[in-house]
Amino acid sequence: MTERRSGPLMFDDGDGLARVLAGCAGLPADATADRIRRAVHEFAEQPPDDDVALLVLHAD
């Protein structure tokens, strides 16, 4: 996720992933994964041109 580009910018510039995760507190793992996936796809005009792998673990 952190290597996702939009022109010269990367998704994690300015803690992009941390900001998305901050809004996921209390969500189940599948909802967290959906939010991250959506944010990554919306980050740039074009869809990702490489595989996207995402693993979210929910610990009680």
Protein backbone atom coordinates (compact mmCIF):
# COMPACT_ATOMS: atom_id res chain seq x y z
CA MET A 1 0.00 0.00 0.00
CA THR A 2 2.76 2.43 0.87
CA GLU A 3 4.25 2.14 -2.65
CA ARG A 4 1.06 3.35 -4.36
CA ARG A 5 1.87 6.37 -6.52
CA SER A 6 -0.01 9.33 -7.86
CA GLY A 7 2.45 11.24 -9.98
CA PRO A 8 5.43 12.04 -7.75
CA LEU A 9 3.47 11.38 -4.54
CA MET A 10 3.28 8.09 -2.69
CA PHE A 11 0.27 6.94 -0.66
CA ASP A 12 2.21 7.01 2.60
CA ASP A 13 3.73 10.47 2.10
CA GLY A 14 2.56 12.47 5.10
CA ASP A 15 1.48 9.27 6.90
CA GLY A 16 -1.36 8.49 4.47
CA LEU A 17 -1.74 4.92 5.68
CA ALA A 18 -1.69 5.99 9.33
CA ARG A 19 -4.51 8.47 8.65
CA VAL A 20 -6.64 5.78 7.01
CA LEU A 21 -5.97 3.37 9.87
CA ALA A 22 -6.87 6.00 12.48
CA GLY A 23 -10.38 6.04 11.04
CA CYS A 24 -10.66 2.26 11.35
CA ALA A 25 -10.49 1.97 15.14
CA GLY A 26 -13.10 -0.47 16.37
CA LEU A 27 -13.93 -1.87 12.93
CA PRO A 28 -13.71 -5.58 12.15
CA ALA A 29 -10.81 -6.73 9.97
CA ASP A 30 -12.89 -7.02 6.77
CA ALA A 31 -14.22 -3.46 7.10
CA THR A 32 -10.70 -2.18 7.78
CA ALA A 33 -9.44 -3.98 4.67
CA ASP A 34 -12.26 -2.47 2.59
CA ARG A 35 -11.45 1.06 3.77
CA ILE A 36 -7.73 0.66 3.05
CA ARG A 37 -8.40 -0.87 -0.38
CA ARG A 38 -10.82 1.94 -1.26
CA ALA A 39 -8.35 4.64 -0.13
CA VAL A 40 -5.56 3.08 -2.19
CA HIS A 41 -7.74 2.95 -5.31
CA GLU A 42 -9.00 6.52 -4.82
CA PHE A 43 -5.50 7.90 -4.25
CA ALA A 44 -4.72 8.13 -7.97
CA GLU A 45 -6.80 8.62 -11.12
CA GLN A 46 -5.74 5.26 -12.55
CA PRO A 47 -6.29 1.92 -10.80
CA PRO A 48 -3.19 0.21 -9.40
CA ASP A 49 -1.12 -1.33 -12.19
CA ASP A 50 0.33 -4.02 -9.95
CA ASP A 51 -1.05 -6.62 -7.59
CA VAL A 52 -2.44 -5.36 -4.31
CA ALA A 53 -1.88 -7.54 -1.26
CA LEU A 54 -3.47 -6.66 2.05
CA LEU A 55 -3.48 -8.54 5.35
CA VAL A 56 -5.47 -7.20 8.29
CA LEU A 57 -5.40 -9.02 11.60
CA HIS A 58 -7.96 -8.38 14.29
CA ALA A 59 -6.75 -9.04 17.82
CA ASP A 60 -8.97 -8.92 20.88
